[in-house]
Protein backbone atom coordinates (compact mmCIF):
# COMPACT_ATOMS: atom_id res chain seq x y z
CA UNK A 1 -5.52 38.64 153.65
CA UNK A 2 -2.32 38.22 151.70
CA UNK A 3 -2.13 35.42 149.15
CA UNK A 4 0.46 33.57 147.13
CA UNK A 5 0.25 36.51 144.73
CA UNK A 6 1.93 38.75 147.32
CA UNK A 7 5.04 40.24 145.75
CA UNK A 8 8.43 38.92 146.73
CA UNK A 9 11.55 41.09 146.69
CA UNK A 10 15.31 40.76 146.40
CA UNK A 11 15.51 40.41 150.21
CA UNK A 12 13.70 37.10 149.80
CA UNK A 13 16.40 35.61 147.55
CA UNK A 14 17.86 33.18 150.10
CA UNK A 15 14.41 31.89 151.04
CA UNK A 16 13.41 31.32 147.41
CA UNK A 17 16.70 29.52 146.71
CA UNK A 18 16.18 27.31 149.77
CA UNK A 19 12.59 26.64 148.76
CA UNK A 20 13.51 25.53 145.24
CA UNK A 21 16.32 23.38 146.60
CA UNK A 22 13.94 21.58 148.99
CA UNK A 23 11.50 21.10 146.14
CA UNK A 24 14.14 19.33 144.06
CA UNK A 25 14.41 21.84 141.21
CA UNK A 26 17.55 21.07 139.12
CA UNK A 27 19.81 24.11 139.02
CA UNK A 28 21.00 23.15 135.54
CA UNK A 29 17.58 24.26 134.21
CA UNK A 30 18.01 27.86 135.45
CA UNK A 31 18.12 29.30 131.91
CA UNK A 32 14.77 27.83 130.89
CA UNK A 33 13.22 28.91 134.20
CA UNK A 34 14.44 32.47 133.68
CA UNK A 35 12.86 32.67 130.23
CA UNK A 36 9.52 31.44 131.55
CA UNK A 37 9.63 33.91 134.45
CA UNK A 38 9.86 36.79 131.99
CA UNK A 39 13.59 37.48 131.80
CA UNK A 40 15.01 38.32 128.39
CA UNK A 41 17.42 36.04 126.58
CA UNK A 42 20.02 38.84 126.53
CA UNK A 43 19.87 39.11 130.33
CA UNK A 44 20.36 35.36 130.75
CA UNK A 45 23.18 35.30 128.19
CA UNK A 46 25.07 37.93 130.21
CA UNK A 47 24.64 35.83 133.37
CA UNK A 48 25.92 32.73 131.57
CA UNK A 49 28.87 34.64 130.12
CA UNK A 50 29.82 36.12 133.51
CA UNK A 51 29.60 32.79 135.34
CA UNK A 52 30.47 30.00 132.85
CA UNK A 53 30.05 26.43 134.14
CA UNK A 54 28.80 27.71 137.55
CA UNK A 55 25.12 26.73 137.56
CA UNK A 56 24.65 27.62 141.24
CA UNK A 57 25.79 31.20 140.68
CA UNK A 58 23.76 31.44 137.46
CA UNK A 59 20.67 30.24 139.32
CA UNK A 60 21.24 32.83 142.05
CA UNK A 61 21.70 35.70 139.59
CA UNK A 62 18.66 34.57 137.56
CA UNK A 63 16.38 34.60 140.62
CA UNK A 64 17.86 37.92 141.78
CA UNK A 65 16.85 39.47 138.44
CA UNK A 66 13.39 37.95 138.76
CA UNK A 67 12.90 39.21 142.31
CA UNK A 68 14.05 42.64 141.09
CA UNK A 69 11.27 42.45 138.47
CA UNK A 70 13.64 42.95 135.53
CA UNK A 71 12.66 42.78 131.86
CA UNK A 72 9.16 41.31 131.35
CA UNK A 73 8.66 39.79 134.81
CA UNK A 74 5.58 41.91 135.58
CA UNK A 75 3.89 40.83 132.35
CA UNK A 76 4.32 37.20 133.50
CA UNK A 77 2.51 37.85 136.78
CA UNK A 78 5.26 39.50 138.80
CA UNK A 79 7.63 38.07 141.39
CA UNK A 80 5.38 35.84 143.49
CA UNK A 81 4.80 32.19 144.25
CA UNK A 82 1.98 31.84 141.74
CA UNK A 83 4.12 32.99 138.81
CA UNK A 84 6.99 30.77 140.00
CA UNK A 85 4.62 27.79 140.17
CA UNK A 86 3.22 28.58 136.70
CA UNK A 87 6.74 28.76 135.26
CA UNK A 88 7.62 25.38 136.79
CA UNK A 89 4.48 23.76 135.40
CA UNK A 90 5.17 25.19 131.92
CA UNK A 91 8.58 23.41 132.11
CA UNK A 92 6.74 20.19 132.96
CA UNK A 93 8.21 20.31 136.47
CA UNK A 94 4.80 19.42 137.90
CA UNK A 95 6.14 17.61 140.93
CA UNK A 96 8.38 20.55 141.83
CA UNK A 97 5.38 22.91 141.57
CA UNK A 98 3.32 20.62 143.82
CA UNK A 99 6.14 20.43 146.32
CA UNK A 100 6.46 24.21 146.20
CA UNK A 101 2.88 24.46 147.42
CA UNK A 102 3.65 21.88 150.09
CA UNK A 103 6.64 23.75 151.50
CA UNK A 104 4.90 27.10 151.23
CA UNK A 105 2.17 25.79 153.54
CA UNK A 106 4.73 24.34 155.93
CA UNK A 107 6.48 27.67 156.10
CA UNK A 108 3.31 29.27 157.45
CA UNK A 109 3.76 27.54 160.76
CA UNK A 110 7.53 27.59 160.84
CA UNK A 111 7.45 31.36 160.46
CA UNK A 112 10.20 30.67 157.95
CA UNK A 113 9.43 33.57 155.70
CA UNK A 114 7.42 36.72 156.43
CA UNK A 115 5.61 36.86 153.09
CA UNK A 116 4.87 33.16 152.98
CA UNK A 117 3.52 33.23 156.51
CA UNK A 118 0.83 35.72 155.51
CA UNK A 119 -0.80 33.20 153.18
CA UNK A 120 -3.66 30.89 154.26
CA UNK A 121 -3.19 31.81 157.89
CA UNK A 122 -6.72 31.55 159.21
CA UNK A 123 -7.63 28.43 161.20
CA UNK A 124 -10.89 27.86 159.33
CA UNK A 125 -9.04 27.56 156.02
CA UNK A 126 -6.51 25.15 157.49
CA UNK A 127 -9.21 22.99 158.98
CA UNK A 128 -10.85 22.78 155.58
CA UNK A 129 -7.61 21.52 154.09
CA UNK A 130 -7.18 18.84 156.66
CA UNK A 131 -10.56 17.29 155.95
CA UNK A 132 -10.26 17.32 152.15
CA UNK A 133 -8.77 15.20 149.40
CA UNK A 134 -8.05 16.01 145.78
CA UNK A 135 -9.12 13.34 143.27
CA UNK A 136 -7.50 13.12 139.85
CA UNK A 137 -8.81 10.52 137.42
CA UNK A 138 -6.29 8.88 135.05
CA UNK A 139 -7.59 7.89 131.62
CA UNK A 140 -5.69 4.70 130.76
CA UNK A 141 -6.68 4.84 127.08
CA UNK A 142 -4.82 8.13 126.53
CA UNK A 143 -2.58 8.50 129.56
CA UNK A 144 -4.24 11.81 130.45
CA UNK A 145 -4.08 12.79 134.12
CA UNK A 146 -7.19 14.92 134.51
CA UNK A 147 -7.37 18.06 136.69
CA UNK A 148 -7.90 17.31 140.38
CA UNK A 149 -11.29 17.87 141.97
CA UNK A 150 -11.69 18.37 145.70
CA UNK A 151 -13.92 16.09 147.75
CA UNK A 152 -14.42 15.76 151.49
CA UNK A 153 -14.06 12.50 153.32
CA UNK A 154 -14.92 11.39 156.83
CA UNK A 155 -12.51 10.73 159.65
CA UNK A 156 -13.26 7.03 160.13
CA UNK A 157 -13.35 5.92 156.50
CA UNK A 158 -11.25 3.03 155.24
CA UNK A 159 -9.61 2.95 151.83
CA UNK A 160 -12.39 0.63 150.64
CA UNK A 161 -15.06 3.13 151.69
CA UNK A 162 -13.19 5.93 149.97
CA UNK A 163 -13.12 3.85 146.77
CA UNK A 164 -16.87 3.36 146.93
CA UNK A 165 -17.44 7.06 147.50
CA UNK A 166 -15.17 8.00 144.57
CA UNK A 167 -16.93 5.45 142.37
CA UNK A 168 -20.31 7.06 143.11
CA UNK A 169 -19.04 10.60 142.52
CA UNK A 170 -17.13 9.87 139.28
CA UNK A 171 -19.20 6.96 137.94
CA UNK A 172 -16.33 4.49 138.21
CA UNK A 173 -16.29 0.79 139.09
CA UNK A 174 -14.78 0.58 142.59
CA UNK A 175 -14.14 -3.19 142.35
CA UNK A 176 -11.27 -2.68 139.86
CA UNK A 177 -10.14 0.69 141.12
CA UNK A 178 -6.57 1.60 141.91
CA UNK A 179 -5.68 4.48 144.20
CA UNK A 180 -2.21 6.01 144.05
CA UNK A 181 -0.61 8.83 145.96
CA UNK A 182 2.67 10.67 145.49
CA UNK A 183 5.02 10.44 148.47
CA UNK A 184 7.88 12.96 148.53
CA UNK A 185 10.85 12.32 150.76
CA UNK A 186 13.47 15.03 150.42
CA UNK A 187 14.67 14.65 146.80
CA UNK A 188 12.87 11.36 146.14
CA UNK A 189 9.42 11.08 144.59
CA UNK A 190 7.62 7.78 145.04
CA UNK A 191 4.22 6.73 143.74
CA UNK A 192 2.50 4.77 146.54
CA UNK A 193 -0.19 2.19 145.91
CA UNK A 194 -3.05 2.38 148.44
CA UNK A 195 -3.84 -1.32 148.24
CA UNK A 196 -4.73 -2.19 151.85
CA UNK A 197 -8.47 -1.56 151.63
CA UNK A 198 -8.90 -2.11 155.41
CA UNK A 199 -6.53 0.72 156.37
CA UNK A 200 -7.98 3.98 157.58
CA UNK A 201 -7.45 7.21 155.65
CA UNK A 202 -5.67 8.65 158.67
CA UNK A 203 -3.09 5.84 158.44
CA UNK A 204 -2.43 5.98 154.72
CA UNK A 205 -2.79 9.70 153.97
CA UNK A 206 -1.50 11.48 157.08
CA UNK A 207 0.88 11.07 159.94
CA UNK A 208 -0.27 11.90 163.46
CA UNK A 209 -3.86 12.65 164.53
CA UNK A 210 -4.98 15.03 161.81
CA UNK A 211 -8.64 14.03 161.96
CA UNK A 212 -9.03 13.81 165.68
CA UNK A 213 -7.37 16.99 166.95
CA UNK A 214 -6.44 20.50 166.01
CA UNK A 215 -2.72 19.96 166.49
CA UNK A 216 -0.98 21.10 163.34
CA UNK A 217 2.16 19.34 162.16
CA UNK A 218 4.21 20.34 159.12
CA UNK A 219 3.61 17.04 157.29
CA UNK A 220 -0.18 17.43 157.70
CA UNK A 221 -0.49 20.78 155.88
CA UNK A 222 -1.10 19.32 152.43
CA UNK A 223 -4.28 18.57 150.59
CA UNK A 224 -3.47 15.02 149.49
CA UNK A 225 -4.05 14.27 145.80
CA UNK A 226 -5.19 10.75 145.07
CA UNK A 227 -4.86 9.41 141.54
CA UNK A 228 -7.64 7.07 140.47
CA UNK A 229 -8.17 4.59 137.65
CA UNK A 230 -10.78 1.94 137.06
CA UNK A 231 -9.97 -0.67 134.43
CA UNK A 232 -10.67 -4.38 134.80
CA UNK A 233 -7.76 -5.51 132.59
CA UNK A 234 -5.13 -3.20 134.04
CA UNK A 235 -6.29 -4.06 137.55
CA UNK A 236 -5.21 -7.68 137.00
CA UNK A 237 -1.58 -6.67 136.41
CA UNK A 238 1.07 -6.42 139.05
CA UNK A 239 1.18 -2.90 140.45
CA UNK A 240 4.51 -1.81 138.89
CA UNK A 241 3.58 -3.41 135.55
CA UNK A 242 0.25 -1.59 135.36
CA UNK A 243 -0.43 1.29 133.00
CA UNK A 244 -1.83 3.18 135.95
CA UNK A 245 1.47 3.13 137.81
CA UNK A 246 3.50 3.97 134.73
CA UNK A 247 1.27 6.87 133.65
CA UNK A 248 1.28 8.47 137.11
CA UNK A 249 5.01 7.89 137.50
CA UNK A 250 5.52 9.51 134.07
CA UNK A 251 3.33 12.44 135.13
CA UNK A 252 5.62 13.29 138.04
CA UNK A 253 8.95 12.23 136.57
CA UNK A 254 8.82 13.34 132.96
CA UNK A 255 10.43 15.76 130.56
CA UNK A 256 9.43 17.08 127.14
CA UNK A 257 11.62 16.47 124.10
CA UNK A 258 11.37 17.94 120.60
CA UNK A 259 12.51 15.37 118.04
CA UNK A 260 12.83 15.72 114.27
CA UNK A 261 12.21 12.38 112.58
CA UNK A 262 12.67 11.18 108.98
CA UNK A 263 9.60 10.02 107.02
CA UNK A 264 8.23 6.72 108.42
CA UNK A 265 9.74 3.58 106.92
CA UNK A 266 7.47 0.73 105.73
CA UNK A 267 7.75 -1.08 109.07
CA UNK A 268 6.61 1.94 111.12
CA UNK A 269 3.46 1.12 113.12
CA UNK A 270 2.66 4.24 115.14
CA UNK A 271 1.51 7.72 114.26
CA UNK A 272 -0.14 9.33 117.28
CA UNK A 273 -0.64 6.65 119.94
CA UNK A 274 1.53 6.29 123.03
CA UNK A 275 4.37 3.77 123.27
CA UNK A 276 3.57 1.70 126.34
CA UNK A 277 5.65 -1.45 125.89
CA UNK A 278 8.27 -2.12 128.56
CA UNK A 279 8.59 -0.55 132.00
CA UNK A 280 8.63 3.05 130.74
CA UNK A 281 6.19 4.99 128.60
CA UNK A 282 6.67 7.51 125.82
CA UNK A 283 3.66 9.78 125.48
CA UNK A 284 3.25 11.52 122.12
CA UNK A 285 2.10 15.10 122.63
CA UNK A 286 2.07 16.28 119.00
CA UNK A 287 3.24 15.38 115.48
CA UNK A 288 3.65 17.94 112.70
CA UNK A 289 4.29 16.67 109.19
CA UNK A 290 6.56 18.54 106.80
CA UNK A 291 7.81 17.67 103.32
CA UNK A 292 10.64 15.34 104.23
CA UNK A 293 10.44 15.13 108.01
CA UNK A 294 8.20 14.98 111.05
CA UNK A 295 8.51 17.16 114.13
CA UNK A 296 7.38 15.29 117.22
CA UNK A 297 7.04 16.41 120.82
CA UNK A 298 7.11 13.55 123.31
CA UNK A 299 6.86 13.19 127.05
CA UNK A 300 9.27 10.67 128.53
CA UNK A 301 10.64 9.64 131.89
CA UNK A 302 13.31 12.11 132.92
CA UNK A 303 15.52 9.15 133.89
CA UNK A 304 15.45 7.74 130.35
CA UNK A 305 18.75 6.88 128.70
CA UNK A 306 19.64 7.27 125.05
CA UNK A 307 19.36 3.50 124.57
CA UNK A 308 15.87 3.41 126.09
CA UNK A 309 14.70 6.41 124.05
CA UNK A 310 15.90 4.78 120.83
CA UNK A 311 13.89 1.65 121.66
CA UNK A 312 10.80 3.81 122.19
CA UNK A 313 11.25 5.55 118.85
CA UNK A 314 11.42 2.31 116.83
CA UNK A 315 7.63 2.08 116.21
CA UNK A 316 7.62 5.69 114.95
CA UNK A 317 10.59 5.24 112.60
CA UNK A 318 10.22 1.67 111.40
CA UNK A 319 13.84 0.54 111.74
CA UNK A 320 15.69 -1.02 114.71
CA UNK A 321 17.85 1.14 117.02
CA UNK A 322 20.95 0.08 115.05
CA UNK A 323 19.41 1.61 111.91
CA UNK A 324 19.26 5.25 112.93
CA UNK A 325 21.48 7.90 114.50
CA UNK A 326 20.49 10.53 117.04
CA UNK A 327 21.96 14.02 117.07
CA UNK A 328 21.68 16.65 119.77
CA UNK A 329 21.41 20.36 118.97
CA UNK A 330 23.31 22.96 120.95
CA UNK A 331 21.26 25.43 123.02
CA UNK A 332 21.39 28.16 120.40
CA UNK A 333 20.96 25.80 117.46
CA UNK A 334 24.43 26.57 116.16
CA UNK A 335 25.66 23.01 115.74
CA UNK A 336 24.74 19.34 115.86
CA UNK A 337 26.61 16.56 117.61
CA UNK A 338 26.19 12.83 117.35
CA UNK A 339 24.95 11.22 120.56
CA UNK A 340 26.98 8.07 121.10
CA UNK A 341 26.83 7.23 124.82
CA UNK A 342 23.87 4.86 125.13
CA UNK A 343 23.87 5.33 128.92
CA UNK A 344 23.57 9.11 128.61
CA UNK A 345 20.56 10.61 130.43
CA UNK A 346 18.54 12.86 128.13
CA UNK A 347 18.14 16.41 129.50
CA UNK A 348 14.83 18.24 129.78
CA UNK A 349 14.01 20.47 126.82
CA UNK A 350 16.51 18.72 124.55
CA UNK A 351 16.08 19.18 120.81
CA UNK A 352 17.05 16.03 118.92
CA UNK A 353 17.33 14.96 115.29
CA UNK A 354 17.00 11.39 114.05
CA UNK A 355 18.63 10.35 110.78
CA UNK A 356 18.67 6.94 109.17
CA UNK A 357 22.04 5.25 109.15
CA UNK A 358 24.34 3.09 111.24
CA UNK A 359 25.48 4.44 114.62
CA UNK A 360 29.18 4.45 115.36
CA UNK A 361 30.87 1.60 117.15
CA UNK A 362 33.91 1.85 119.37
CA UNK A 363 36.98 2.98 117.46
CA UNK A 364 35.01 4.35 114.51
CA UNK A 365 34.53 7.87 113.21
CA UNK A 366 32.02 9.41 110.83
CA UNK A 367 33.41 11.46 107.95
CA UNK A 368 31.55 13.72 105.53
CA UNK A 369 32.85 13.45 102.00
CA UNK A 370 32.70 16.21 99.39
CA UNK A 371 33.53 15.98 95.70
CA UNK A 372 36.22 18.48 94.70
CA UNK A 373 36.04 19.52 91.03
CA UNK A 374 38.27 22.56 90.64
CA UNK A 375 37.11 23.36 87.09
CA UNK A 376 33.42 23.09 87.92
CA UNK A 377 31.25 25.97 89.12
CA UNK A 378 29.91 23.56 91.77
CA UNK A 379 33.42 22.76 92.91
CA UNK A 380 32.38 21.71 96.45
CA UNK A 381 29.63 19.09 96.16
CA UNK A 382 28.43 16.97 99.07
CA UNK A 383 28.75 13.25 98.36
CA UNK A 384 27.87 11.21 101.45
CA UNK A 385 28.80 10.26 104.98
CA UNK A 386 31.08 7.31 105.51
CA UNK A 387 32.14 5.42 108.62
CA UNK A 388 35.78 4.42 108.93
CA UNK A 389 37.70 2.67 111.68
CA UNK A 390 40.58 4.51 113.27
CA UNK A 391 43.90 3.33 111.87
CA UNK A 392 42.53 2.61 108.40
CA UNK A 393 45.01 3.29 105.61
CA UNK A 394 44.05 5.79 102.93
CA UNK A 395 44.10 3.26 100.09
CA UNK A 396 41.63 0.99 101.92
CA UNK A 397 39.35 3.94 102.64
CA UNK A 398 39.43 4.89 98.94
CA UNK A 399 38.21 1.38 98.05
CA UNK A 400 35.41 1.78 100.58
CA UNK A 401 34.43 5.18 99.15
CA UNK A 402 34.22 3.80 95.60
CA UNK A 403 31.94 0.92 96.67
CA UNK A 404 29.68 3.12 98.82
CA UNK A 405 29.40 5.71 96.03
CA UNK A 406 28.22 2.97 93.65
CA UNK A 407 25.64 1.70 96.14
CA UNK A 408 24.29 5.20 96.74
CA UNK A 409 24.19 6.00 93.02
CA UNK A 410 26.45 9.04 93.28
CA UNK A 411 27.07 10.55 89.86
CA UNK A 412 30.85 10.65 89.60
CA UNK A 413 33.59 8.46 88.15
CA UNK A 414 36.09 7.30 90.77
CA UNK A 415 39.06 5.08 90.04
CA UNK A 416 41.29 3.80 92.81
CA UNK A 417 44.56 5.05 91.30
CA UNK A 418 43.04 8.23 89.87
CA UNK A 419 41.61 9.86 92.96
CA UNK A 420 42.97 11.91 95.82
CA UNK A 421 41.87 12.25 99.43
CA UNK A 422 42.57 15.53 101.19
CA UNK A 423 41.52 17.66 104.14
CA UNK A 424 38.58 20.01 103.74
CA UNK A 425 39.05 23.23 105.70
CA UNK A 426 35.85 25.20 105.15
CA UNK A 427 35.76 25.28 101.33
CA UNK A 428 39.54 25.16 101.01
CA UNK A 429 41.31 21.93 100.01
CA UNK A 430 44.19 21.21 102.35
CA UNK A 431 46.68 18.47 103.04
CA UNK A 432 46.78 15.52 100.65
CA UNK A 433 46.82 12.01 102.19
CA UNK A 434 48.88 9.42 100.36
CA UNK A 435 47.89 5.77 100.07
CA UNK A 436 50.26 4.46 102.73
CA UNK A 437 49.18 7.00 105.35
CA UNK A 438 46.50 6.61 108.03
CA UNK A 439 43.15 8.40 108.05
CA UNK A 440 43.09 11.28 110.55
CA UNK A 441 40.02 10.51 112.68
CA UNK A 442 39.97 14.03 114.10
CA UNK A 443 38.97 15.48 110.72
CA UNK A 444 35.21 15.61 110.20
CA UNK A 445 35.27 16.29 106.46
CA UNK A 446 37.41 15.26 103.50
CA UNK A 447 37.55 16.16 99.85
CA UNK A 448 37.52 13.38 97.24
CA UNK A 449 39.27 14.71 94.15
CA UNK A 450 39.11 12.77 90.85
CA UNK A 451 42.32 12.97 88.80
CA UNK A 452 43.02 12.77 85.06
CA UNK A 453 45.95 10.43 85.55
CA UNK A 454 47.45 8.19 88.21
CA UNK A 455 48.10 9.85 91.55
CA UNK A 456 51.78 10.69 91.99
CA UNK A 457 53.91 10.31 95.07
CA UNK A 458 55.08 13.79 95.93
CA UNK A 459 55.82 16.31 98.63
CA UNK A 460 53.77 19.29 97.46
CA UNK A 461 50.82 19.76 95.09
CA UNK A 462 50.16 23.19 93.53
CA UNK A 463 47.24 24.35 91.35
CA UNK A 464 48.34 26.42 88.35
CA UNK A 465 46.25 28.71 86.13
CA UNK A 466 47.55 30.04 82.84
CA UNK A 467 46.66 33.68 82.29
CA UNK A 468 46.34 34.75 78.65
CA UNK A 469 46.63 38.53 78.49
CA UNK A 470 46.00 38.65 74.74
CA UNK A 471 42.56 37.10 75.32
CA UNK A 472 41.90 38.46 78.84
CA UNK A 473 41.00 34.93 79.93
CA UNK A 474 42.33 31.98 81.89
CA UNK A 475 42.79 28.34 80.94
CA UNK A 476 41.29 25.51 83.02
CA UNK A 477 43.07 24.80 86.30
CA UNK A 478 45.92 22.27 86.15
CA UNK A 479 48.49 21.21 88.71
CA UNK A 480 52.20 20.68 89.14
CA UNK A 481 53.97 18.42 91.61
CA UNK A 482 56.97 19.79 93.50
CA UNK A 483 58.93 16.66 94.20
CA UNK A 484 62.06 17.98 95.91
CA UNK A 485 61.80 18.82 99.60
CA UNK A 486 64.26 21.65 99.15
CA UNK A 487 62.46 23.21 96.21
CA UNK A 488 58.90 23.80 97.41
CA UNK A 489 59.54 27.56 97.39
CA UNK A 490 62.35 27.59 94.81
CA UNK A 491 61.23 29.93 92.03
CA UNK A 492 63.48 28.36 89.42
CA UNK A 493 62.17 24.88 90.16
CA UNK A 494 58.56 26.08 89.91
CA UNK A 495 59.13 27.87 86.58
CA UNK A 496 60.84 24.81 85.13
CA UNK A 497 57.75 22.77 86.07
CA UNK A 498 55.49 25.39 84.43
CA UNK A 499 57.63 25.37 81.29
CA UNK A 500 57.41 21.57 81.13
CA UNK A 501 53.62 21.75 81.52
CA UNK A 502 52.96 24.56 79.01
CA UNK A 503 55.73 24.27 76.47
CA UNK A 504 56.62 27.93 77.00
CA UNK A 505 60.39 28.50 77.37
CA UNK A 506 61.33 29.14 80.99
CA UNK A 507 62.83 32.58 80.25
CA UNK A 508 59.42 33.85 79.05
CA UNK A 509 57.37 32.54 81.98
CA UNK A 510 56.22 34.98 84.61
CA UNK A 511 54.28 33.70 87.63
CA UNK A 512 52.55 34.98 90.75
CA UNK A 513 51.24 33.23 93.86
CA UNK A 514 47.57 33.84 94.79
CA UNK A 515 46.75 31.98 98.01
CA UNK A 516 44.47 28.94 98.26
CA UNK A 517 41.91 27.51 95.87
CA UNK A 518 39.19 28.70 95.15
CA UNK A 519 40.59 31.86 93.60
CA UNK A 520 38.66 35.05 94.22
CA UNK A 521 40.48 37.40 91.85
CA UNK A 522 38.62 38.73 88.84
CA UNK A 523 40.12 38.32 85.37
CA UNK A 524 40.03 42.11 85.11
CA UNK A 525 42.51 42.39 87.99
CA UNK A 526 45.00 39.60 87.25
CA UNK A 527 47.39 41.56 85.07
CA UNK A 528 47.77 44.60 87.31
CA UNK A 529 47.15 43.42 90.88
CA UNK A 530 49.42 40.37 91.08
CA UNK A 531 53.13 40.57 91.85
CA UNK A 532 54.70 38.88 88.83
CA UNK A 533 58.19 37.38 88.92
CA UNK A 534 60.46 35.56 86.51
CA UNK A 535 63.37 33.13 86.58
CA UNK A 536 65.71 36.12 86.86
CA UNK A 537 63.98 37.66 89.88
CA UNK A 538 66.27 37.92 92.90
CA UNK A 539 65.52 36.30 96.28
CA UNK A 540 61.84 35.82 95.61
CA UNK A 541 59.90 33.09 97.45
CA UNK A 542 56.47 31.85 96.36
CA UNK A 543 55.75 30.56 99.88
CA UNK A 544 54.19 27.31 98.68
CA UNK A 545 54.17 25.76 102.12
CA UNK A 546 50.82 23.92 101.90
CA UNK A 547 49.05 21.67 99.43
CA UNK A 548 46.39 23.41 97.40
CA UNK A 549 48.12 26.76 96.82
CA UNK A 550 47.44 28.54 93.52
CA UNK A 551 49.91 30.05 91.02
CA UNK A 552 49.01 32.16 88.01
CA UNK A 553 51.50 32.12 85.15
CA UNK A 554 51.74 33.72 81.72
CA UNK A 555 53.88 33.95 78.61
CA UNK A 556 55.37 37.40 79.02
CA UNK A 557 55.59 37.83 75.26
CA UNK A 558 51.81 38.25 75.09
CA UNK A 559 50.50 41.81 75.07
CA UNK A 560 47.41 42.82 77.04
CA UNK A 561 44.21 42.98 75.01
CA UNK A 562 42.41 46.31 74.74
CA UNK A 563 38.83 45.56 75.82
CA UNK A 564 35.76 47.23 74.44
CA UNK A 565 33.11 48.42 76.87
CA UNK A 566 30.89 45.51 75.85
CA UNK A 567 33.66 42.94 76.38
CA UNK A 568 34.53 44.41 79.76
CA UNK A 569 30.88 44.35 80.81
CA UNK A 570 30.49 40.69 79.75
CA UNK A 571 33.62 39.62 81.63
CA UNK A 572 32.51 41.57 84.70
CA UNK A 573 29.11 39.85 84.67
CA UNK A 574 30.60 36.37 84.28
CA UNK A 575 33.20 36.94 86.99
CA UNK A 576 30.62 38.31 89.41
CA UNK A 577 28.51 35.15 88.96
CA UNK A 578 31.58 32.97 89.63
CA UNK A 579 32.62 34.95 92.71
CA UNK A 580 29.06 34.95 94.05
CA UNK A 581 29.04 31.15 93.91
CA UNK A 582 32.29 31.03 95.87
CA UNK A 583 30.87 33.38 98.52
CA UNK A 584 27.78 31.18 98.82
CA UNK A 585 29.90 28.07 99.37
CA UNK A 586 32.03 29.89 101.96
CA UNK A 587 28.95 30.96 103.90
CA UNK A 588 27.59 27.38 103.88
CA UNK A 589 30.81 25.72 105.02
């Protein structure tokens, strides 16, 4: 006799798709299903790439690969109903798996599918199903829904008599017993309270005359599972306020979430117990403690919103919902994003991170601030996050930064008129924002740059580095301000500024442009690899179109030093350490 382990094939694709649709499986979860059925990530990535944003087509292609027994499908049990059911249960889609069994049995008598119709087809087996119930006891102290055990009832029993029988078999008090059953209507899943103790089992568990005849109807071909609890305190509560109802509802309508939490604050009250306050429950599956964080897996109602989840996490964190921020992680872990829509429904399998801090309000943006110190090896140093309202002027934001830096004990000296705010593009400093301008809310990161003197009003800022050939070394980085809109690439204007800065007569200054800060040219290459020009050079443009460009300059009267092997080796070692640090920063940002 064929069983639910009978292999399915690609010809069965339409039937499997229809079956999953009737069972209420969300197509958006096709990727996770494919992994659990034994398909490789690379196979699923190709499907997603070929059919972006088309979950129906992705679902179809995923199941087609499974039915074709691609990748590791055979090692996961092959392409059959059992392996499909196991995959659904591993995703915590318990109700879908149960419904799968339901519809598979129905299909026997509809002759809906040739392979399905081979399963459980003898009349003796069917008769046994019709006279049986599955009993699953719910432990209200832990929320555990225990594995179902089959019992056999009698045709004329009432609900009260069934309670007494269950009490005898499972050593439970029938006087405070609740019986619940899942009722599935198309896409809806309802938990039904069997509270009318005078009703017959035939009335409350089946439609038609299942106990009195051998007529077989599609809605009768299910072994009903009854969920049982016995607790005198919980029994006194209204049905939908009872732990029993909420635990069983959670069991059939739940998802698993992986959440990274900060260390518990002093007001935290929970470590491993379930959060049962309110109409929904959060069940804690596991907590793993690490040095500065906790990794928690929780089971929550799949209809839970971000606002509701934050309320449930309060006992674990120890601060109110307004005191922490939640971040989602992209599927491949490549990036984080702040979750701001409190009405957002959390998706199954989501990976979330909780950080202490104030969530954004309407019209606000969160900006990461980095300290820019161009003459420091650690030139790109993270400072803090700051929240600023859209439309805030730069000068006001500077005041806010200074105050927040003091509060957070950040080790740097910031003065309102001796600091600069500029874009941060990777590690590169970009556009400078002047005091009267507005903060660009689209930028996620800014550099804060302390200055030696008052910030100047200007059109273009350029970093300059004096090269000293006679010493084979460079001076600390300085800057010049190009204050004429028509002279930002005028060589003569630039050399005059360099002469004013250095005291070297303009006719002896040679300069060369070298891209953006930070500079990645070794001292050993400056003299010979740069294109040097002077005030007499014809039609030469330095192309200083953006803030933060770098110019090397030198006094052309200096002669190049002849280096010994030891001196060359020492310079090479020092420069390699400096360039390595720059490469590290670039890889991190």
